[in-house]
Amino acid sequence: MKKKDELMTVPEILEELRGVSERTFYRWREIGKFPAGFRLPNGDIRLYRSEFEAWLESLRRAA
């Protein structure tokens, strides 16, 4: 059985990034330097952990 992909909240994403401000996170989304994720009906943003990890890996490869 395949494990479900976890949905991350903005605070969880910022916790993982350690030191990146909320403003920087939203700016990265605005300019396309971070996966867009999706917005829930209440306005909260969610991102699948697999997308987040793929994004981090792409940064590692680019370095």
PDB file of N, CA and C in Angstrom:
ATOM      1  N   MET A   1       0.831  -1.187   0.000  1.00  0.00           N
ATOM      2  CA  MET A   1       0.000   0.000   0.000  1.00  0.00           C
ATOM      3  C   MET A   1       0.873   1.248   0.000  1.00  0.00           C
ATOM      4  N   LYS A   2       0.518   2.192  -0.827  1.00  0.00           N
ATOM      5  CA  LYS A   2       1.291   3.422  -0.954  1.00  0.00           C
ATOM      6  C   LYS A   2       0.962   4.396   0.174  1.00  0.00           C
ATOM      7  N   LYS A   3       1.993   4.968   0.762  1.00  0.00           N
ATOM      8  CA  LYS A   3       1.820   5.944   1.827  1.00  0.00           C
ATOM      9  C   LYS A   3       1.263   7.240   1.253  1.00  0.00           C
ATOM     10  N   LYS A   4       0.335   7.858   1.974  1.00  0.00           N
ATOM     11  CA  LYS A   4      -0.223   9.128   1.532  1.00  0.00           C
ATOM     12  C   LYS A   4       0.837  10.221   1.611  1.00  0.00           C
ATOM     13  N   ASP A   5       0.789  11.122   0.657  1.00  0.00           N
ATOM     14  CA  ASP A   5       1.698  12.260   0.641  1.00  0.00           C
ATOM     15  C   ASP A   5       1.177  13.298   1.631  1.00  0.00           C
ATOM     16  N   GLU A   6       2.009  13.692   2.564  1.00  0.00           N
ATOM     17  CA  GLU A   6       1.627  14.638   3.606  1.00  0.00           C
ATOM     18  C   GLU A   6       1.445  16.040   3.032  1.00  0.00           C
ATOM     19  N   LEU A   7       0.417  16.735   3.508  1.00  0.00           N
ATOM     20  CA  LEU A   7       0.226  18.141   3.164  1.00  0.00           C
ATOM     21  C   LEU A   7       0.903  18.996   4.222  1.00  0.00           C
ATOM     22  N   MET A   8       1.710  19.946   3.770  1.00  0.00           N
ATOM     23  CA  MET A   8       2.437  20.823   4.685  1.00  0.00           C
ATOM     24  C   MET A   8       1.755  22.190   4.747  1.00  0.00           C
ATOM     25  N   THR A   9       1.745  22.775   5.930  1.00  0.00           N
ATOM     26  CA  THR A   9       1.244  24.135   6.122  1.00  0.00           C
ATOM     27  C   THR A   9       2.414  25.114   5.963  1.00  0.00           C
ATOM     28  N   VAL A  10       2.104  26.388   5.848  1.00  0.00           N
ATOM     29  CA  VAL A  10       3.170  27.402   5.743  1.00  0.00           C
ATOM     30  C   VAL A  10       4.080  27.365   6.973  1.00  0.00           C
ATOM     31  N   PRO A  11       3.541  27.327   8.204  1.00  0.00           N
ATOM     32  CA  PRO A  11       4.448  27.241   9.360  1.00  0.00           C
ATOM     33  C   PRO A  11       5.356  26.007   9.330  1.00  0.00           C
ATOM     34  N   GLU A  12       4.849  24.879   8.858  1.00  0.00           N
ATOM     35  CA  GLU A  12       5.677  23.674   8.763  1.00  0.00           C
ATOM     36  C   GLU A  12       6.781  23.848   7.724  1.00  0.00           C
ATOM     37  N   ILE A  13       6.457  24.486   6.614  1.00  0.00           N
ATOM     38  CA  ILE A  13       7.448  24.752   5.571  1.00  0.00           C
ATOM     39  C   ILE A  13       8.537  25.665   6.113  1.00  0.00           C
ATOM     40  N   LEU A  14       8.131  26.739   6.800  1.00  0.00           N
ATOM     41  CA  LEU A  14       9.103  27.681   7.358  1.00  0.00           C
ATOM     42  C   LEU A  14       9.975  27.009   8.414  1.00  0.00           C
ATOM     43  N   GLU A  15       9.391  26.121   9.195  1.00  0.00           N
ATOM     44  CA  GLU A  15      10.163  25.368  10.194  1.00  0.00           C
ATOM     45  C   GLU A  15      11.244  24.526   9.511  1.00  0.00           C
ATOM     46  N   GLU A  16      10.883  23.881   8.422  1.00  0.00           N
ATOM     47  CA  GLU A  16      11.846  23.053   7.675  1.00  0.00           C
ATOM     48  C   GLU A  16      12.952  23.917   7.056  1.00  0.00           C
ATOM     49  N   LEU A  17      12.604  25.113   6.611  1.00  0.00           N
ATOM     50  CA  LEU A  17      13.582  25.986   5.949  1.00  0.00           C
ATOM     51  C   LEU A  17      14.466  26.736   6.938  1.00  0.00           C
ATOM     52  N   ARG A  18      14.093  26.774   8.184  1.00  0.00           N
ATOM     53  CA  ARG A  18      14.877  27.401   9.267  1.00  0.00           C
ATOM     54  C   ARG A  18      15.567  28.702   8.850  1.00  0.00           C
ATOM     55  N   GLY A  19      14.981  29.801   9.233  1.00  0.00           N
ATOM     56  CA  GLY A  19      15.614  31.086   8.978  1.00  0.00           C
ATOM     57  C   GLY A  19      15.031  31.852   7.811  1.00  0.00           C
ATOM     58  N   VAL A  20      14.178  31.220   7.016  1.00  0.00           N
ATOM     59  CA  VAL A  20      13.522  31.923   5.914  1.00  0.00           C
ATOM     60  C   VAL A  20      12.272  32.580   6.482  1.00  0.00           C
ATOM     61  N   SER A  21      12.128  33.875   6.241  1.00  0.00           N
ATOM     62  CA  SER A  21      10.978  34.591   6.782  1.00  0.00           C
ATOM     63  C   SER A  21       9.712  34.277   5.990  1.00  0.00           C
ATOM     64  N   GLU A  22       8.588  34.542   6.604  1.00  0.00           N
ATOM     65  CA  GLU A  22       7.303  34.337   5.940  1.00  0.00           C
ATOM     66  C   GLU A  22       7.207  35.216   4.693  1.00  0.00           C
ATOM     67  N   ARG A  23       7.686  36.436   4.779  1.00  0.00           N
ATOM     68  CA  ARG A  23       7.657  37.352   3.633  1.00  0.00           C
ATOM     69  C   ARG A  23       8.488  36.800   2.481  1.00  0.00           C
ATOM     70  N   THR A  24       9.661  36.289   2.794  1.00  0.00           N
ATOM     71  CA  THR A  24      10.515  35.697   1.759  1.00  0.00           C
ATOM     72  C   THR A  24       9.816  34.518   1.110  1.00  0.00           C
ATOM     73  N   PHE A  25       9.179  33.679   1.906  1.00  0.00           N
ATOM     74  CA  PHE A  25       8.440  32.531   1.376  1.00  0.00           C
ATOM     75  C   PHE A  25       7.382  32.994   0.373  1.00  0.00           C
ATOM     76  N   TYR A  26       6.579  33.978   0.748  1.00  0.00           N
ATOM     77  CA  TYR A  26       5.523  34.450  -0.148  1.00  0.00           C
ATOM     78  C   TYR A  26       6.108  35.127  -1.386  1.00  0.00           C
ATOM     79  N   ARG A  27       7.219  35.814  -1.226  1.00  0.00           N
ATOM     80  CA  ARG A  27       7.871  36.446  -2.381  1.00  0.00           C
ATOM     81  C   ARG A  27       8.369  35.375  -3.348  1.00  0.00           C
ATOM     82  N   TRP A  28       8.988  34.318  -2.840  1.00  0.00           N
ATOM     83  CA  TRP A  28       9.455  33.219  -3.689  1.00  0.00           C
ATOM     84  C   TRP A  28       8.290  32.624  -4.474  1.00  0.00           C
ATOM     85  N   ARG A  29       7.136  32.485  -3.820  1.00  0.00           N
ATOM     86  CA  ARG A  29       5.947  31.966  -4.521  1.00  0.00           C
ATOM     87  C   ARG A  29       5.515  32.929  -5.623  1.00  0.00           C
ATOM     88  N   GLU A  30       5.511  34.229  -5.319  1.00  0.00           N
ATOM     89  CA  GLU A  30       5.092  35.242  -6.294  1.00  0.00           C
ATOM     90  C   GLU A  30       5.948  35.239  -7.552  1.00  0.00           C
ATOM     91  N   ILE A  31       7.242  35.050  -7.384  1.00  0.00           N
ATOM     92  CA  ILE A  31       8.148  35.123  -8.530  1.00  0.00           C
ATOM     93  C   ILE A  31       8.465  33.752  -9.124  1.00  0.00           C
ATOM     94  N   GLY A  32       7.810  32.709  -8.605  1.00  0.00           N
ATOM     95  CA  GLY A  32       7.963  31.370  -9.182  1.00  0.00           C
ATOM     96  C   GLY A  32       9.214  30.626  -8.771  1.00  0.00           C
ATOM     97  N   LYS A  33       9.844  31.018  -7.673  1.00  0.00           N
ATOM     98  CA  LYS A  33      11.046  30.324  -7.203  1.00  0.00           C
ATOM     99  C   LYS A  33      10.729  29.263  -6.157  1.00  0.00           C
ATOM    100  N   PHE A  34       9.441  29.045  -5.908  1.00  0.00           N
ATOM    101  CA  PHE A  34       8.999  28.050  -4.942  1.00  0.00           C
ATOM    102  C   PHE A  34       7.734  27.414  -5.503  1.00  0.00           C
ATOM    103  N   PRO A  35       7.506  26.122  -5.257  1.00  0.00           N
ATOM    104  CA  PRO A  35       6.277  25.500  -5.754  1.00  0.00           C
ATOM    105  C   PRO A  35       5.038  26.248  -5.258  1.00  0.00           C
ATOM    106  N   ALA A  36       4.074  26.434  -6.122  1.00  0.00           N
ATOM    107  CA  ALA A  36       2.886  27.216  -5.785  1.00  0.00           C
ATOM    108  C   ALA A  36       2.009  26.539  -4.746  1.00  0.00           C
ATOM    109  N   GLY A  37       1.964  25.206  -4.758  1.00  0.00           N
ATOM    110  CA  GLY A  37       1.044  24.523  -3.861  1.00  0.00           C
ATOM    111  C   GLY A  37      -0.376  24.867  -4.271  1.00  0.00           C
ATOM    112  N   PHE A  38      -1.270  24.880  -3.301  1.00  0.00           N
ATOM    113  CA  PHE A  38      -2.652  25.261  -3.608  1.00  0.00           C
ATOM    114  C   PHE A  38      -3.285  25.910  -2.392  1.00  0.00           C
ATOM    115  N   ARG A  39      -4.336  26.650  -2.653  1.00  0.00           N
ATOM    116  CA  ARG A  39      -5.047  27.380  -1.616  1.00  0.00           C
ATOM    117  C   ARG A  39      -6.345  26.645  -1.279  1.00  0.00           C
ATOM    118  N   LEU A  40      -6.584  26.455   0.002  1.00  0.00           N
ATOM    119  CA  LEU A  40      -7.822  25.853   0.475  1.00  0.00           C
ATOM    120  C   LEU A  40      -8.935  26.907   0.436  1.00  0.00           C
ATOM    121  N   PRO A  41     -10.189  26.498   0.519  1.00  0.00           N
ATOM    122  CA  PRO A  41     -11.280  27.475   0.508  1.00  0.00           C
ATOM    123  C   PRO A  41     -11.168  28.541   1.596  1.00  0.00           C
ATOM    124  N   ASN A  42     -10.537  28.220   2.724  1.00  0.00           N
ATOM    125  CA  ASN A  42     -10.376  29.213   3.793  1.00  0.00           C
ATOM    126  C   ASN A  42      -9.172  30.135   3.557  1.00  0.00           C
ATOM    127  N   GLY A  43      -8.446  29.938   2.447  1.00  0.00           N
ATOM    128  CA  GLY A  43      -7.319  30.794   2.103  1.00  0.00           C
ATOM    129  C   GLY A  43      -5.960  30.257   2.506  1.00  0.00           C
ATOM    130  N   ASP A  44      -5.937  29.222   3.334  1.00  0.00           N
ATOM    131  CA  ASP A  44      -4.657  28.645   3.755  1.00  0.00           C
ATOM    132  C   ASP A  44      -3.978  27.953   2.583  1.00  0.00           C
ATOM    133  N   ILE A  45      -2.654  28.002   2.583  1.00  0.00           N
ATOM    134  CA  ILE A  45      -1.854  27.366   1.537  1.00  0.00           C
ATOM    135  C   ILE A  45      -1.374  26.015   2.032  1.00  0.00           C
ATOM    136  N   ARG A  46      -1.391  25.041   1.122  1.00  0.00           N
ATOM    137  CA  ARG A  46      -0.858  23.716   1.420  1.00  0.00           C
ATOM    138  C   ARG A  46       0.066  23.293   0.283  1.00  0.00           C
ATOM    139  N   LEU A  47       1.080  22.521   0.638  1.00  0.00           N
ATOM    140  CA  LEU A  47       2.032  22.001  -0.334  1.00  0.00           C
ATOM    141  C   LEU A  47       2.300  20.546   0.021  1.00  0.00           C
ATOM    142  N   TYR A  48       2.303  19.683  -0.983  1.00  0.00           N
ATOM    143  CA  TYR A  48       2.640  18.284  -0.730  1.00  0.00           C
ATOM    144  C   TYR A  48       4.116  18.173  -0.380  1.00  0.00           C
ATOM    145  N   ARG A  49       4.399  17.357   0.633  1.00  0.00           N
ATOM    146  CA  ARG A  49       5.797  17.162   1.064  1.00  0.00           C
ATOM    147  C   ARG A  49       6.669  16.700  -0.100  1.00  0.00           C
ATOM    148  N   SER A  50       6.137  15.861  -0.969  1.00  0.00           N
ATOM    149  CA  SER A  50       6.934  15.374  -2.102  1.00  0.00           C
ATOM    150  C   SER A  50       7.345  16.526  -3.024  1.00  0.00           C
ATOM    151  N   GLU A  51       6.477  17.521  -3.211  1.00  0.00           N
ATOM    152  CA  GLU A  51       6.824  18.690  -4.028  1.00  0.00           C
ATOM    153  C   GLU A  51       7.913  19.504  -3.342  1.00  0.00           C
ATOM    154  N   PHE A  52       7.779  19.669  -2.019  1.00  0.00           N
ATOM    155  CA  PHE A  52       8.770  20.413  -1.244  1.00  0.00           C
ATOM    156  C   PHE A  52      10.138  19.741  -1.328  1.00  0.00           C
ATOM    157  N   GLU A  53      10.157  18.424  -1.147  1.00  0.00           N
ATOM    158  CA  GLU A  53      11.421  17.690  -1.188  1.00  0.00           C
ATOM    159  C   GLU A  53      12.032  17.709  -2.581  1.00  0.00           C
ATOM    160  N   ALA A  54      11.203  17.637  -3.621  1.00  0.00           N
ATOM    161  CA  ALA A  54      11.710  17.723  -4.997  1.00  0.00           C
ATOM    162  C   ALA A  54      12.321  19.097  -5.243  1.00  0.00           C
ATOM    163  N   TRP A  55      11.693  20.134  -4.721  1.00  0.00           N
ATOM    164  CA  TRP A  55      12.216  21.501  -4.859  1.00  0.00           C
ATOM    165  C   TRP A  55      13.584  21.612  -4.170  1.00  0.00           C
ATOM    166  N   LEU A  56      13.679  21.085  -2.937  1.00  0.00           N
ATOM    167  CA  LEU A  56      14.967  21.115  -2.231  1.00  0.00           C
ATOM    168  C   LEU A  56      16.040  20.364  -3.014  1.00  0.00           C
ATOM    169  N   GLU A  57      15.683  19.213  -3.562  1.00  0.00           N
ATOM    170  CA  GLU A  57      16.639  18.432  -4.348  1.00  0.00           C
ATOM    171  C   GLU A  57      17.091  19.205  -5.581  1.00  0.00           C
ATOM    172  N   SER A  58      16.183  19.924  -6.209  1.00  0.00           N
ATOM    173  CA  SER A  58      16.564  20.720  -7.388  1.00  0.00           C
ATOM    174  C   SER A  58      17.552  21.825  -7.007  1.00  0.00           C
ATOM    175  N   LEU A  59      17.423  22.369  -5.798  1.00  0.00           N
ATOM    176  CA  LEU A  59      18.389  23.372  -5.327  1.00  0.00           C
ATOM    177  C   LEU A  59      19.754  22.737  -5.095  1.00  0.00           C
ATOM    178  N   ARG A  60      19.742  21.526  -4.527  1.00  0.00           N
ATOM    179  CA  ARG A  60      21.012  20.815  -4.289  1.00  0.00           C
ATOM    180  C   ARG A  60      21.736  20.541  -5.603  1.00  0.00           C
ATOM    181  N   ARG A  61      20.977  20.100  -6.598  1.00  0.00           N
ATOM    182  CA  ARG A  61      21.573  19.772  -7.912  1.00  0.00           C
ATOM    183  C   ARG A  61      22.124  21.043  -8.585  1.00  0.00           C
ATOM    184  N   ALA A  62      21.470  22.180  -8.363  1.00  0.00           N
ATOM    185  CA  ALA A  62      21.876  23.420  -9.029  1.00  0.00           C
ATOM    186  C   ALA A  62      23.113  24.037  -8.375  1.00  0.00           C
ATOM    187  N   ALA A  63      23.394  23.646  -7.141  1.00  0.00           N
ATOM    188  CA  ALA A  63      24.520  24.247  -6.408  1.00  0.00           C
ATOM    189  C   ALA A  63      25.858  23.736  -6.890  1.00  0.00           C
TER     190      ALA A  63
END
